[in-house]
Amino acid sequence: MLLGLVVTVLGTIAFAVQADAAIEGDGLAAFDPGLTENFIEHRTAILSQVAQTITFFGSVPVLTALTVLVCALLRILTRRWRPTVILAVGMAGAASLTYGLKVLIGRHRPDSSLVIGTIDTGFSFPSGHTLSSTVFFVLLAALLWYSNFSRKVKIAGAIVAVVLSIAMGLSRVYLGYHWATDVLAGWTVALTWLCLIGTAIHAIDTRQS
């Protein structure tokens, strides 16, 4: 539990540093324009289609629908409320963090002329697609890890969660919706929130045992 709290604190500090850089335009944020330009230079028709498909599944309507569906399936298949509550609380927290931090930081997105797809006029930091998708994929992988499936299936689930989380973040930069540091912040907040969830679960289990 102590390790979880330490990681949570470190994650919070890391986000604060990233947020300051995003606001001031220095630090890692100074590399954002160059990275965006590099992504744009390497665009192809196929990559653009793949990126749009990936980012579609991270949209609020789709991810919300998937969360509701998976929560229902978890309740039916496991006949327990715990997995359902963990996923529901995790995703609700991710949505709240996304909204609150975007408003708090108030960072503007890259120029809309760079975007492939529908223009998004909301704030940019952190990337909501990245944050929420990472929480969703990692929580599913974690629930799978503590199930009765074979070790190979559990490892495969963990790998898929990591790959999809990375792909979602990269797709947001590629499509021009976010700066690279928006995505980095999304991953940072997601992992910090996940660590806090894990710590809370461990504390509850310890108290009940």
N, C-alpha and C. Protein backbone atom coordinates (compact mmCIF):
# COMPACT_ATOMS: atom_id res chain seq x y z
N MET A 1 0.83 -1.21 0.00
CA MET A 1 0.00 0.00 0.00
C MET A 1 0.87 1.26 0.00
N LEU A 2 1.96 1.21 0.76
CA LEU A 2 2.87 2.36 0.81
C LEU A 2 3.45 2.66 -0.57
N LEU A 3 3.81 1.60 -1.29
CA LEU A 3 4.36 1.77 -2.64
C LEU A 3 3.34 2.44 -3.54
N GLY A 4 2.08 2.03 -3.42
CA GLY A 4 1.02 2.62 -4.24
C GLY A 4 0.86 4.10 -3.97
N LEU A 5 0.93 4.48 -2.70
CA LEU A 5 0.80 5.89 -2.33
C LEU A 5 1.99 6.70 -2.85
N VAL A 6 3.18 6.12 -2.77
CA VAL A 6 4.38 6.80 -3.25
C VAL A 6 4.29 7.04 -4.75
N VAL A 7 3.87 6.00 -5.49
CA VAL A 7 3.73 6.12 -6.94
C VAL A 7 2.66 7.15 -7.29
N THR A 8 1.58 7.18 -6.52
CA THR A 8 0.51 8.15 -6.75
C THR A 8 1.02 9.57 -6.57
N VAL A 9 1.79 9.79 -5.52
CA VAL A 9 2.37 11.11 -5.26
C VAL A 9 3.34 11.51 -6.37
N LEU A 10 4.18 10.57 -6.78
CA LEU A 10 5.14 10.84 -7.85
C LEU A 10 4.42 11.15 -9.16
N GLY A 11 3.34 10.43 -9.43
CA GLY A 11 2.55 10.68 -10.63
C GLY A 11 1.93 12.05 -10.61
N THR A 12 1.45 12.46 -9.44
CA THR A 12 0.85 13.79 -9.29
C THR A 12 1.89 14.88 -9.52
N ILE A 13 3.08 14.67 -8.98
CA ILE A 13 4.17 15.64 -9.18
C ILE A 13 4.55 15.72 -10.66
N ALA A 14 4.64 14.55 -11.30
CA ALA A 14 5.00 14.51 -12.72
C ALA A 14 3.97 15.27 -13.55
N PHE A 15 2.69 15.09 -13.23
CA PHE A 15 1.65 15.81 -13.96
C PHE A 15 1.77 17.31 -13.74
N ALA A 16 2.04 17.71 -12.50
CA ALA A 16 2.17 19.14 -12.19
C ALA A 16 3.29 19.77 -13.01
N VAL A 17 4.39 19.06 -13.15
CA VAL A 17 5.52 19.54 -13.95
C VAL A 17 5.11 19.67 -15.41
N GLN A 18 4.40 18.66 -15.91
CA GLN A 18 3.95 18.68 -17.30
C GLN A 18 2.95 19.81 -17.53
N ALA A 19 2.06 20.03 -16.57
CA ALA A 19 1.07 21.09 -16.70
C ALA A 19 1.73 22.46 -16.73
N ASP A 20 2.72 22.65 -15.88
CA ASP A 20 3.44 23.92 -15.86
C ASP A 20 4.14 24.17 -17.19
N ALA A 21 4.73 23.12 -17.75
CA ALA A 21 5.40 23.25 -19.05
C ALA A 21 4.40 23.58 -20.15
N ALA A 22 3.22 22.96 -20.07
CA ALA A 22 2.19 23.22 -21.08
C ALA A 22 1.69 24.66 -21.02
N ILE A 23 1.55 25.17 -19.81
CA ILE A 23 1.08 26.54 -19.63
C ILE A 23 2.13 27.55 -20.08
N GLU A 24 3.37 27.29 -19.72
CA GLU A 24 4.46 28.22 -20.02
C GLU A 24 5.04 28.03 -21.43
N GLY A 25 4.80 26.86 -22.02
CA GLY A 25 5.34 26.58 -23.35
C GLY A 25 6.81 26.24 -23.34
N ASP A 26 7.31 25.80 -22.18
CA ASP A 26 8.72 25.43 -22.10
C ASP A 26 8.84 23.96 -21.71
N GLY A 27 10.03 23.53 -21.30
CA GLY A 27 10.21 22.13 -20.94
C GLY A 27 9.90 21.21 -22.11
N LEU A 28 9.24 20.11 -21.84
CA LEU A 28 8.88 19.17 -22.90
C LEU A 28 7.92 19.79 -23.91
N ALA A 29 7.10 20.73 -23.46
CA ALA A 29 6.12 21.36 -24.34
C ALA A 29 6.78 22.13 -25.48
N ALA A 30 8.03 22.52 -25.29
CA ALA A 30 8.76 23.25 -26.33
C ALA A 30 8.97 22.39 -27.57
N PHE A 31 8.91 21.07 -27.40
CA PHE A 31 9.11 20.16 -28.52
C PHE A 31 7.81 19.84 -29.26
N ASP A 32 6.69 20.29 -28.73
CA ASP A 32 5.39 19.93 -29.32
C ASP A 32 5.22 20.32 -30.79
N PRO A 33 5.50 21.57 -31.17
CA PRO A 33 5.32 21.95 -32.57
C PRO A 33 6.13 21.09 -33.53
N GLY A 34 7.38 20.82 -33.16
CA GLY A 34 8.23 20.00 -34.02
C GLY A 34 7.73 18.58 -34.15
N LEU A 35 7.25 18.00 -33.05
CA LEU A 35 6.72 16.64 -33.07
C LEU A 35 5.45 16.57 -33.91
N THR A 36 4.59 17.58 -33.77
CA THR A 36 3.36 17.62 -34.57
C THR A 36 3.70 17.69 -36.05
N GLU A 37 4.65 18.54 -36.39
CA GLU A 37 5.07 18.67 -37.79
C GLU A 37 5.62 17.35 -38.33
N ASN A 38 6.35 16.63 -37.49
CA ASN A 38 6.92 15.35 -37.90
C ASN A 38 5.82 14.33 -38.18
N PHE A 39 4.81 14.29 -37.34
CA PHE A 39 3.68 13.38 -37.55
C PHE A 39 2.97 13.70 -38.86
N ILE A 40 2.76 14.99 -39.10
CA ILE A 40 2.05 15.42 -40.31
C ILE A 40 2.83 15.04 -41.57
N GLU A 41 4.13 15.18 -41.52
CA GLU A 41 4.98 14.85 -42.67
C GLU A 41 4.92 13.37 -43.03
N HIS A 42 4.59 12.53 -42.08
CA HIS A 42 4.57 11.08 -42.31
C HIS A 42 3.15 10.52 -42.46
N ARG A 43 2.19 11.40 -42.73
CA ARG A 43 0.82 10.93 -42.93
C ARG A 43 0.68 10.20 -44.26
N THR A 44 -0.10 9.12 -44.23
CA THR A 44 -0.46 8.39 -45.45
C THR A 44 -1.95 8.07 -45.37
N ALA A 45 -2.54 7.71 -46.49
CA ALA A 45 -3.97 7.41 -46.51
C ALA A 45 -4.31 6.25 -45.58
N ILE A 46 -3.47 5.22 -45.61
CA ILE A 46 -3.72 4.03 -44.78
C ILE A 46 -3.57 4.36 -43.30
N LEU A 47 -2.48 5.05 -42.95
CA LEU A 47 -2.25 5.41 -41.55
C LEU A 47 -3.37 6.31 -41.02
N SER A 48 -3.84 7.21 -41.88
CA SER A 48 -4.91 8.12 -41.46
C SER A 48 -6.18 7.35 -41.16
N GLN A 49 -6.49 6.35 -41.99
CA GLN A 49 -7.68 5.53 -41.76
C GLN A 49 -7.56 4.73 -40.47
N VAL A 50 -6.38 4.17 -40.25
CA VAL A 50 -6.13 3.39 -39.03
C VAL A 50 -6.26 4.29 -37.80
N ALA A 51 -5.66 5.48 -37.87
CA ALA A 51 -5.70 6.41 -36.74
C ALA A 51 -7.12 6.85 -36.43
N GLN A 52 -7.91 7.10 -37.48
CA GLN A 52 -9.30 7.51 -37.27
C GLN A 52 -10.13 6.39 -36.65
N THR A 53 -9.84 5.17 -37.06
CA THR A 53 -10.56 4.01 -36.49
C THR A 53 -10.23 3.86 -35.02
N ILE A 54 -8.95 3.98 -34.69
CA ILE A 54 -8.52 3.85 -33.30
C ILE A 54 -9.15 4.94 -32.44
N THR A 55 -9.08 6.18 -32.92
CA THR A 55 -9.58 7.30 -32.13
C THR A 55 -11.09 7.26 -31.96
N PHE A 56 -11.79 6.63 -32.91
CA PHE A 56 -13.25 6.49 -32.83
C PHE A 56 -13.65 5.75 -31.55
N PHE A 57 -12.90 4.71 -31.22
CA PHE A 57 -13.24 3.90 -30.06
C PHE A 57 -12.89 4.59 -28.74
N GLY A 58 -12.19 5.71 -28.83
CA GLY A 58 -11.87 6.46 -27.61
C GLY A 58 -12.78 7.65 -27.40
N SER A 59 -13.75 7.84 -28.30
CA SER A 59 -14.68 8.96 -28.17
C SER A 59 -15.60 8.74 -26.98
N VAL A 60 -16.14 9.81 -26.45
CA VAL A 60 -17.00 9.72 -25.26
C VAL A 60 -18.21 8.82 -25.47
N PRO A 61 -18.98 8.98 -26.56
CA PRO A 61 -20.15 8.11 -26.74
C PRO A 61 -19.79 6.64 -26.84
N VAL A 62 -18.76 6.33 -27.62
CA VAL A 62 -18.38 4.93 -27.83
C VAL A 62 -17.81 4.32 -26.55
N LEU A 63 -16.92 5.04 -25.90
CA LEU A 63 -16.29 4.51 -24.68
C LEU A 63 -17.32 4.36 -23.56
N THR A 64 -18.27 5.29 -23.51
CA THR A 64 -19.34 5.19 -22.51
C THR A 64 -20.19 3.95 -22.76
N ALA A 65 -20.55 3.74 -24.02
CA ALA A 65 -21.35 2.56 -24.38
C ALA A 65 -20.59 1.27 -24.07
N LEU A 66 -19.31 1.25 -24.38
CA LEU A 66 -18.49 0.07 -24.10
C LEU A 66 -18.40 -0.19 -22.60
N THR A 67 -18.27 0.88 -21.84
CA THR A 67 -18.17 0.74 -20.38
C THR A 67 -19.46 0.14 -19.81
N VAL A 68 -20.59 0.66 -20.25
CA VAL A 68 -21.89 0.14 -19.78
C VAL A 68 -22.05 -1.32 -20.17
N LEU A 69 -21.69 -1.64 -21.41
CA LEU A 69 -21.80 -3.02 -21.90
C LEU A 69 -20.91 -3.97 -21.11
N VAL A 70 -19.66 -3.58 -20.93
CA VAL A 70 -18.72 -4.45 -20.21
C VAL A 70 -19.11 -4.58 -18.74
N CYS A 71 -19.59 -3.50 -18.14
CA CYS A 71 -20.05 -3.57 -16.75
C CYS A 71 -21.19 -4.58 -16.61
N ALA A 72 -22.11 -4.54 -17.55
CA ALA A 72 -23.24 -5.48 -17.53
C ALA A 72 -22.75 -6.92 -17.70
N LEU A 73 -21.82 -7.11 -18.63
CA LEU A 73 -21.28 -8.45 -18.87
C LEU A 73 -20.52 -8.98 -17.65
N LEU A 74 -19.77 -8.10 -17.01
CA LEU A 74 -19.02 -8.50 -15.82
C LEU A 74 -19.96 -8.96 -14.71
N ARG A 75 -21.06 -8.24 -14.56
CA ARG A 75 -22.04 -8.61 -13.52
C ARG A 75 -22.69 -9.95 -13.84
N ILE A 76 -23.01 -10.16 -15.11
CA ILE A 76 -23.67 -11.41 -15.52
C ILE A 76 -22.71 -12.59 -15.44
N LEU A 77 -21.50 -12.42 -15.96
CA LEU A 77 -20.55 -13.53 -16.04
C LEU A 77 -19.93 -13.89 -14.69
N THR A 78 -19.63 -12.89 -13.88
CA THR A 78 -18.98 -13.17 -12.59
C THR A 78 -19.98 -13.33 -11.45
N ARG A 79 -21.19 -12.81 -11.67
CA ARG A 79 -22.23 -12.81 -10.62
C ARG A 79 -21.77 -12.09 -9.36
N ARG A 80 -20.89 -11.14 -9.58
CA ARG A 80 -20.38 -10.32 -8.49
C ARG A 80 -20.45 -8.85 -8.89
N TRP A 81 -20.62 -8.00 -7.89
CA TRP A 81 -20.69 -6.58 -8.16
C TRP A 81 -19.31 -5.93 -8.19
N ARG A 82 -18.35 -6.54 -7.53
CA ARG A 82 -17.03 -5.92 -7.37
C ARG A 82 -16.38 -5.52 -8.70
N PRO A 83 -16.23 -6.43 -9.68
CA PRO A 83 -15.60 -6.04 -10.94
C PRO A 83 -16.34 -4.90 -11.64
N THR A 84 -17.67 -4.96 -11.57
CA THR A 84 -18.49 -3.93 -12.20
C THR A 84 -18.26 -2.57 -11.55
N VAL A 85 -18.24 -2.56 -10.23
CA VAL A 85 -18.04 -1.31 -9.49
C VAL A 85 -16.64 -0.74 -9.75
N ILE A 86 -15.65 -1.60 -9.80
CA ILE A 86 -14.27 -1.15 -10.05
C ILE A 86 -14.18 -0.44 -11.41
N LEU A 87 -14.75 -1.07 -12.44
CA LEU A 87 -14.70 -0.47 -13.78
C LEU A 87 -15.52 0.82 -13.84
N ALA A 88 -16.71 0.80 -13.24
CA ALA A 88 -17.58 1.97 -13.27
C ALA A 88 -16.94 3.15 -12.54
N VAL A 89 -16.40 2.90 -11.37
CA VAL A 89 -15.75 3.97 -10.60
C VAL A 89 -14.50 4.46 -11.32
N GLY A 90 -13.75 3.53 -11.89
CA GLY A 90 -12.54 3.91 -12.63
C GLY A 90 -12.84 4.82 -13.80
N MET A 91 -13.87 4.49 -14.55
CA MET A 91 -14.21 5.29 -15.73
C MET A 91 -14.86 6.62 -15.35
N ALA A 92 -15.67 6.61 -14.30
CA ALA A 92 -16.28 7.85 -13.83
C ALA A 92 -15.20 8.82 -13.35
N GLY A 93 -14.22 8.27 -12.65
CA GLY A 93 -13.11 9.10 -12.19
C GLY A 93 -12.30 9.65 -13.34
N ALA A 94 -12.08 8.82 -14.35
CA ALA A 94 -11.33 9.26 -15.53
C ALA A 94 -12.04 10.41 -16.24
N ALA A 95 -13.35 10.30 -16.36
CA ALA A 95 -14.14 11.35 -17.02
C ALA A 95 -14.08 12.64 -16.21
N SER A 96 -14.20 12.52 -14.90
CA SER A 96 -14.17 13.70 -14.03
C SER A 96 -12.81 14.39 -14.06
N LEU A 97 -11.76 13.59 -14.02
CA LEU A 97 -10.40 14.14 -14.08
C LEU A 97 -10.16 14.85 -15.40
N THR A 98 -10.62 14.23 -16.48
CA THR A 98 -10.44 14.83 -17.81
C THR A 98 -11.09 16.20 -17.88
N TYR A 99 -12.34 16.27 -17.48
CA TYR A 99 -13.08 17.53 -17.55
C TYR A 99 -12.46 18.59 -16.64
N GLY A 100 -12.21 18.20 -15.39
CA GLY A 100 -11.68 19.16 -14.43
C GLY A 100 -10.31 19.71 -14.80
N LEU A 101 -9.43 18.82 -15.24
CA LEU A 101 -8.07 19.25 -15.58
C LEU A 101 -8.03 20.08 -16.86
N LYS A 102 -8.88 19.74 -17.82
CA LYS A 102 -8.94 20.53 -19.06
C LYS A 102 -9.35 21.97 -18.75
N VAL A 103 -10.37 22.11 -17.92
CA VAL A 103 -10.85 23.45 -17.55
C VAL A 103 -9.80 24.19 -16.72
N LEU A 104 -9.15 23.48 -15.82
CA LEU A 104 -8.15 24.09 -14.94
C LEU A 104 -6.94 24.60 -15.73
N ILE A 105 -6.44 23.79 -16.65
CA ILE A 105 -5.24 24.17 -17.42
C ILE A 105 -5.60 25.11 -18.57
N GLY A 106 -6.69 24.83 -19.26
CA GLY A 106 -7.17 25.71 -20.33
C GLY A 106 -6.25 25.83 -21.53
N ARG A 107 -5.57 24.78 -21.88
CA ARG A 107 -4.64 24.82 -23.01
C ARG A 107 -5.39 24.63 -24.33
N HIS A 108 -5.02 25.42 -25.32
CA HIS A 108 -5.67 25.32 -26.62
C HIS A 108 -5.03 24.23 -27.47
N ARG A 109 -5.82 23.69 -28.37
CA ARG A 109 -5.37 22.61 -29.25
C ARG A 109 -4.50 23.15 -30.39
N PRO A 110 -3.85 22.25 -31.13
CA PRO A 110 -3.12 22.68 -32.33
C PRO A 110 -4.11 23.33 -33.31
N ASP A 111 -3.60 24.06 -34.27
CA ASP A 111 -4.46 24.73 -35.26
C ASP A 111 -5.40 23.73 -35.92
N SER A 112 -6.67 24.11 -36.04
CA SER A 112 -7.69 23.21 -36.58
C SER A 112 -7.42 22.80 -38.02
N SER A 113 -6.59 23.58 -38.74
CA SER A 113 -6.28 23.24 -40.13
C SER A 113 -5.45 21.96 -40.22
N LEU A 114 -4.87 21.54 -39.10
CA LEU A 114 -4.03 20.34 -39.08
C LEU A 114 -4.84 19.07 -38.82
N VAL A 115 -6.09 19.24 -38.43
CA VAL A 115 -6.91 18.10 -37.99
C VAL A 115 -7.45 17.29 -39.16
N ILE A 116 -7.39 15.97 -39.00
CA ILE A 116 -8.04 15.05 -39.94
C ILE A 116 -9.30 14.56 -39.23
N GLY A 117 -10.46 15.02 -39.67
CA GLY A 117 -11.71 14.62 -39.03
C GLY A 117 -12.48 15.82 -38.53
N THR A 118 -13.46 15.56 -37.66
CA THR A 118 -14.30 16.61 -37.10
C THR A 118 -13.51 17.49 -36.14
N ILE A 119 -13.70 18.80 -36.27
CA ILE A 119 -12.98 19.74 -35.42
C ILE A 119 -13.50 19.68 -33.98
N ASP A 120 -12.58 19.67 -33.03
CA ASP A 120 -12.91 19.68 -31.61
C ASP A 120 -12.44 21.01 -31.04
N THR A 121 -13.38 21.78 -30.48
CA THR A 121 -13.04 23.12 -29.99
C THR A 121 -12.77 23.15 -28.48
N GLY A 122 -12.83 22.00 -27.83
CA GLY A 122 -12.59 21.96 -26.39
C GLY A 122 -11.12 22.13 -26.06
N PHE A 123 -10.83 22.22 -24.78
CA PHE A 123 -9.45 22.36 -24.35
C PHE A 123 -8.66 21.08 -24.59
N SER A 124 -7.35 21.19 -24.55
CA SER A 124 -6.48 20.14 -25.06
C SER A 124 -5.78 19.29 -24.00
N PHE A 125 -5.54 19.85 -22.83
CA PHE A 125 -4.64 19.22 -21.85
C PHE A 125 -5.38 18.79 -20.60
N PRO A 126 -5.34 17.51 -20.26
CA PRO A 126 -4.69 16.37 -20.95
C PRO A 126 -5.61 15.78 -22.01
N SER A 127 -5.11 14.85 -22.78
CA SER A 127 -5.91 14.18 -23.81
C SER A 127 -6.93 13.26 -23.14
N GLY A 128 -8.21 13.57 -23.34
CA GLY A 128 -9.27 12.76 -22.75
C GLY A 128 -9.36 11.38 -23.34
N HIS A 129 -9.19 11.29 -24.67
CA HIS A 129 -9.20 9.98 -25.33
C HIS A 129 -8.13 9.07 -24.72
N THR A 130 -6.94 9.63 -24.56
CA THR A 130 -5.81 8.86 -24.04
C THR A 130 -6.04 8.46 -22.59
N LEU A 131 -6.45 9.41 -21.77
CA LEU A 131 -6.66 9.16 -20.35
C LEU A 131 -7.72 8.08 -20.13
N SER A 132 -8.91 8.30 -20.68
CA SER A 132 -10.02 7.37 -20.45
C SER A 132 -9.78 6.00 -21.06
N SER A 133 -9.21 5.97 -22.26
CA SER A 133 -8.95 4.69 -22.92
C SER A 133 -7.92 3.87 -22.15
N THR A 134 -6.89 4.55 -21.66
CA THR A 134 -5.86 3.85 -20.89
C THR A 134 -6.45 3.24 -19.62
N VAL A 135 -7.28 4.00 -18.93
CA VAL A 135 -7.94 3.49 -17.73
C VAL A 135 -8.81 2.29 -18.08
N PHE A 136 -9.56 2.40 -19.16
CA PHE A 136 -10.46 1.33 -19.59
C PHE A 136 -9.69 0.05 -19.92
N PHE A 137 -8.69 0.18 -20.77
CA PHE A 137 -7.93 -1.00 -21.21
C PHE A 137 -7.16 -1.65 -20.06
N VAL A 138 -6.53 -0.83 -19.23
CA VAL A 138 -5.72 -1.37 -18.13
C VAL A 138 -6.60 -2.02 -17.07
N LEU A 139 -7.75 -1.43 -16.78
CA LEU A 139 -8.65 -2.03 -15.80
C LEU A 139 -9.16 -3.38 -16.29
N LEU A 140 -9.48 -3.47 -17.58
CA LEU A 140 -9.92 -4.75 -18.14
C LEU A 140 -8.80 -5.78 -18.04
N ALA A 141 -7.58 -5.35 -18.35
CA ALA A 141 -6.44 -6.27 -18.27
C ALA A 141 -6.21 -6.71 -16.82
N ALA A 142 -6.40 -5.79 -15.88
CA ALA A 142 -6.21 -6.12 -14.46
C ALA A 142 -7.27 -7.10 -13.98
N LEU A 143 -8.51 -6.88 -14.40
CA LEU A 143 -9.60 -7.79 -14.02
C LEU A 143 -9.36 -9.17 -14.62
N LEU A 144 -8.85 -9.17 -15.85
CA LEU A 144 -8.53 -10.44 -16.50
C LEU A 144 -7.39 -11.15 -15.76
N TRP A 145 -6.43 -10.37 -15.29
CA TRP A 145 -5.26 -10.93 -14.61
C TRP A 145 -5.66 -11.67 -13.33
N TYR A 146 -6.68 -11.17 -12.66
CA TYR A 146 -7.12 -11.80 -11.41
C TYR A 146 -8.29 -12.76 -11.62
N SER A 147 -8.47 -13.19 -12.87
CA SER A 147 -9.52 -14.16 -13.19
C SER A 147 -8.93 -15.57 -13.21
N ASN A 148 -9.72 -16.51 -13.69
CA ASN A 148 -9.28 -17.91 -13.73
C ASN A 148 -8.69 -18.32 -15.08
N PHE A 149 -8.48 -17.34 -15.96
CA PHE A 149 -7.91 -17.66 -17.27
C PHE A 149 -6.44 -18.08 -17.11
N SER A 150 -5.92 -18.70 -18.17
CA SER A 150 -4.53 -19.16 -18.14
C SER A 150 -3.56 -17.98 -18.11
N ARG A 151 -2.34 -18.24 -17.71
CA ARG A 151 -1.32 -17.19 -17.63
C ARG A 151 -1.05 -16.58 -19.00
N LYS A 152 -1.08 -17.39 -20.05
CA LYS A 152 -0.84 -16.88 -21.40
C LYS A 152 -1.91 -15.87 -21.79
N VAL A 153 -3.16 -16.17 -21.45
CA VAL A 153 -4.26 -15.25 -21.76
C VAL A 153 -4.10 -13.95 -20.98
N LYS A 154 -3.70 -14.06 -19.73
CA LYS A 154 -3.50 -12.88 -18.90
C LYS A 154 -2.39 -11.99 -19.45
N ILE A 155 -1.29 -12.60 -19.85
CA ILE A 155 -0.16 -11.85 -20.41
C ILE A 155 -0.57 -11.19 -21.73
N ALA A 156 -1.31 -11.94 -22.54
CA ALA A 156 -1.79 -11.40 -23.82
C ALA A 156 -2.69 -10.19 -23.57
N GLY A 157 -3.55 -10.29 -22.57
CA GLY A 157 -4.43 -9.18 -22.23
C GLY A 157 -3.66 -7.95 -21.80
N ALA A 158 -2.61 -8.15 -21.03
CA ALA A 158 -1.78 -7.03 -20.57
C ALA A 158 -1.07 -6.36 -21.74
N ILE A 159 -0.56 -7.17 -22.65
CA ILE A 159 0.14 -6.63 -23.82
C ILE A 159 -0.82 -5.84 -24.70
N VAL A 160 -2.00 -6.39 -24.92
CA VAL A 160 -3.01 -5.71 -25.75
C VAL A 160 -3.39 -4.37 -25.12
N ALA A 161 -3.55 -4.35 -23.80
CA ALA A 161 -3.91 -3.11 -23.10
C ALA A 161 -2.85 -2.03 -23.30
N VAL A 162 -1.59 -2.42 -23.20
CA VAL A 162 -0.49 -1.46 -23.38
C VAL A 162 -0.44 -0.95 -24.82
N VAL A 163 -0.56 -1.87 -25.77
CA VAL A 163 -0.49 -1.50 -27.19
C VAL A 163 -1.64 -0.56 -27.56
N LEU A 164 -2.85 -0.88 -27.13
CA LEU A 164 -4.01 -0.05 -27.46
C LEU A 164 -3.92 1.33 -26.80
N SER A 165 -3.41 1.37 -25.58
CA SER A 165 -3.26 2.66 -24.89
C SER A 165 -2.26 3.56 -25.61
N ILE A 166 -1.16 2.96 -26.04
CA ILE A 166 -0.14 3.72 -26.78
C ILE A 166 -0.69 4.16 -28.14
N ALA A 167 -1.37 3.24 -28.82
CA ALA A 167 -1.92 3.54 -30.14
C ALA A 167 -2.94 4.68 -30.08
N MET A 168 -3.76 4.68 -29.03
CA MET A 168 -4.75 5.74 -28.88
C MET A 168 -4.06 7.09 -28.75
N GLY A 169 -3.04 7.16 -27.92
CA GLY A 169 -2.33 8.42 -27.73
C GLY A 169 -1.66 8.91 -29.00
N LEU A 170 -1.00 8.01 -29.69
CA LEU A 170 -0.32 8.39 -30.94
C LEU A 170 -1.31 8.84 -32.00
N SER A 171 -2.48 8.21 -32.03
CA SER A 171 -3.49 8.58 -33.04
C SER A 171 -3.97 10.01 -32.83
N ARG A 172 -4.02 10.46 -31.59
CA ARG A 172 -4.49 11.81 -31.31
C ARG A 172 -3.51 12.88 -31.81
N VAL A 173 -2.23 12.58 -31.70
CA VAL A 173 -1.21 13.51 -32.21
C VAL A 173 -1.19 13.45 -33.73
N TYR A 174 -1.25 12.23 -34.26
CA TYR A 174 -1.21 12.04 -35.72
C TYR A 174 -2.35 12.78 -36.40
N LEU A 175 -3.55 12.71 -35.83
CA LEU A 175 -4.72 13.33 -36.44
C LEU A 175 -4.79 14.84 -36.21
N GLY A 176 -3.88 15.36 -35.38
CA GLY A 176 -3.82 16.80 -35.17
C GLY A 176 -4.71 17.33 -34.06
N TYR A 177 -5.28 16.45 -33.26
CA TYR A 177 -6.17 16.88 -32.18
C TYR A 177 -5.42 17.35 -30.94
N HIS A 178 -4.22 16.81 -30.75
CA HIS A 178 -3.49 17.08 -29.52
C HIS A 178 -2.00 17.30 -29.76
N TRP A 179 -1.39 18.03 -28.82
CA TRP A 179 0.05 18.10 -28.74
C TRP A 179 0.55 16.82 -28.08
N ALA A 180 1.79 16.48 -28.31
CA ALA A 180 2.36 15.26 -27.74
C ALA A 180 2.32 15.28 -26.21
N THR A 181 2.53 16.46 -25.62
CA THR A 181 2.52 16.53 -24.15
C THR A 181 1.11 16.39 -23.58
N ASP A 182 0.08 16.67 -24.38
CA ASP A 182 -1.29 16.39 -23.94
C ASP A 182 -1.47 14.90 -23.73
N VAL A 183 -0.94 14.14 -24.66
CA VAL A 183 -1.03 12.68 -24.61
C VAL A 183 -0.21 12.14 -23.45
N LEU A 184 1.01 12.67 -23.29
CA LEU A 184 1.86 12.24 -22.18
C LEU A 184 1.16 12.49 -20.84
N ALA A 185 0.52 13.63 -20.74
CA ALA A 185 -0.21 13.95 -19.51
C ALA A 185 -1.39 13.00 -19.32
N GLY A 186 -2.05 12.63 -20.42
CA GLY A 186 -3.16 11.69 -20.34
C GLY A 186 -2.71 10.36 -19.77
N TRP A 187 -1.58 9.87 -20.26
CA TRP A 187 -1.02 8.61 -19.73
C TRP A 187 -0.63 8.76 -18.26
N THR A 188 -0.03 9.88 -17.92
CA THR A 188 0.42 10.11 -16.54
C THR A 188 -0.75 10.11 -15.56
N VAL A 189 -1.80 10.86 -15.91
CA VAL A 189 -2.97 10.93 -15.03
C VAL A 189 -3.66 9.57 -14.95
N ALA A 190 -3.77 8.89 -16.08
CA ALA A 190 -4.42 7.58 -16.11
C ALA A 190 -3.70 6.60 -15.19
N LEU A 191 -2.39 6.52 -15.31
CA LEU A 191 -1.62 5.58 -14.50
C LEU A 191 -1.64 5.96 -13.02
N THR A 192 -1.66 7.26 -12.74
CA THR A 192 -1.74 7.72 -11.35
C THR A 192 -3.09 7.34 -10.75
N TRP A 193 -4.14 7.56 -11.51
CA TRP A 193 -5.50 7.21 -11.07
C TRP A 193 -5.63 5.70 -10.88
N LEU A 194 -5.08 4.93 -11.79
CA LEU A 194 -5.11 3.47 -11.68
C LEU A 194 -4.37 3.00 -10.44
N CYS A 195 -3.25 3.63 -10.17
CA CYS A 195 -2.46 3.27 -8.98
C CYS A 195 -3.25 3.58 -7.72
N LEU A 196 -3.95 4.71 -7.72
CA LEU A 196 -4.76 5.09 -6.56
C LEU A 196 -5.90 4.09 -6.36
N ILE A 197 -6.50 3.65 -7.46
CA ILE A 197 -7.57 2.65 -7.38
C ILE A 197 -7.03 1.35 -6.78
N GLY A 198 -5.88 0.92 -7.29
CA GLY A 198 -5.27 -0.30 -6.79
C GLY A 198 -4.94 -0.21 -5.31
N THR A 199 -4.45 0.95 -4.90
CA THR A 199 -4.10 1.16 -3.49
C THR A 199 -5.35 1.11 -2.61
N ALA A 200 -6.43 1.72 -3.10
CA ALA A 200 -7.69 1.72 -2.35
C ALA A 200 -8.25 0.31 -2.21
N ILE A 201 -8.19 -0.46 -3.29
CA ILE A 201 -8.68 -1.84 -3.26
C ILE A 201 -7.86 -2.67 -2.27
N HIS A 202 -6.55 -2.48 -2.31
CA HIS A 202 -5.67 -3.21 -1.39
C HIS A 202 -5.98 -2.85 0.07
N ALA A 203 -6.23 -1.57 0.32
CA ALA A 203 -6.54 -1.12 1.68
C ALA A 203 -7.85 -1.73 2.17
N ILE A 204 -8.84 -1.78 1.29
CA ILE A 204 -10.15 -2.36 1.65
C ILE A 204 -10.01 -3.84 1.94
N ASP A 205 -9.28 -4.54 1.07
CA ASP A 205 -9.08 -5.98 1.26
C ASP A 205 -8.33 -6.28 2.56
N THR A 206 -7.34 -5.44 2.86
CA THR A 206 -6.55 -5.64 4.08
C THR A 206 -7.42 -5.44 5.32
N ARG A 207 -8.28 -4.44 5.27
CA ARG A 207 -9.15 -4.16 6.41
C ARG A 207 -10.17 -5.28 6.62
N GLN A 208 -10.64 -5.86 5.52
CA GLN A 208 -11.66 -6.91 5.62
C GLN A 208 -11.08 -8.27 5.99
N SER A 209 -9.77 -8.44 5.78
CA SER A 209 -9.16 -9.75 6.05
C SER A 209 -8.77 -9.93 7.52
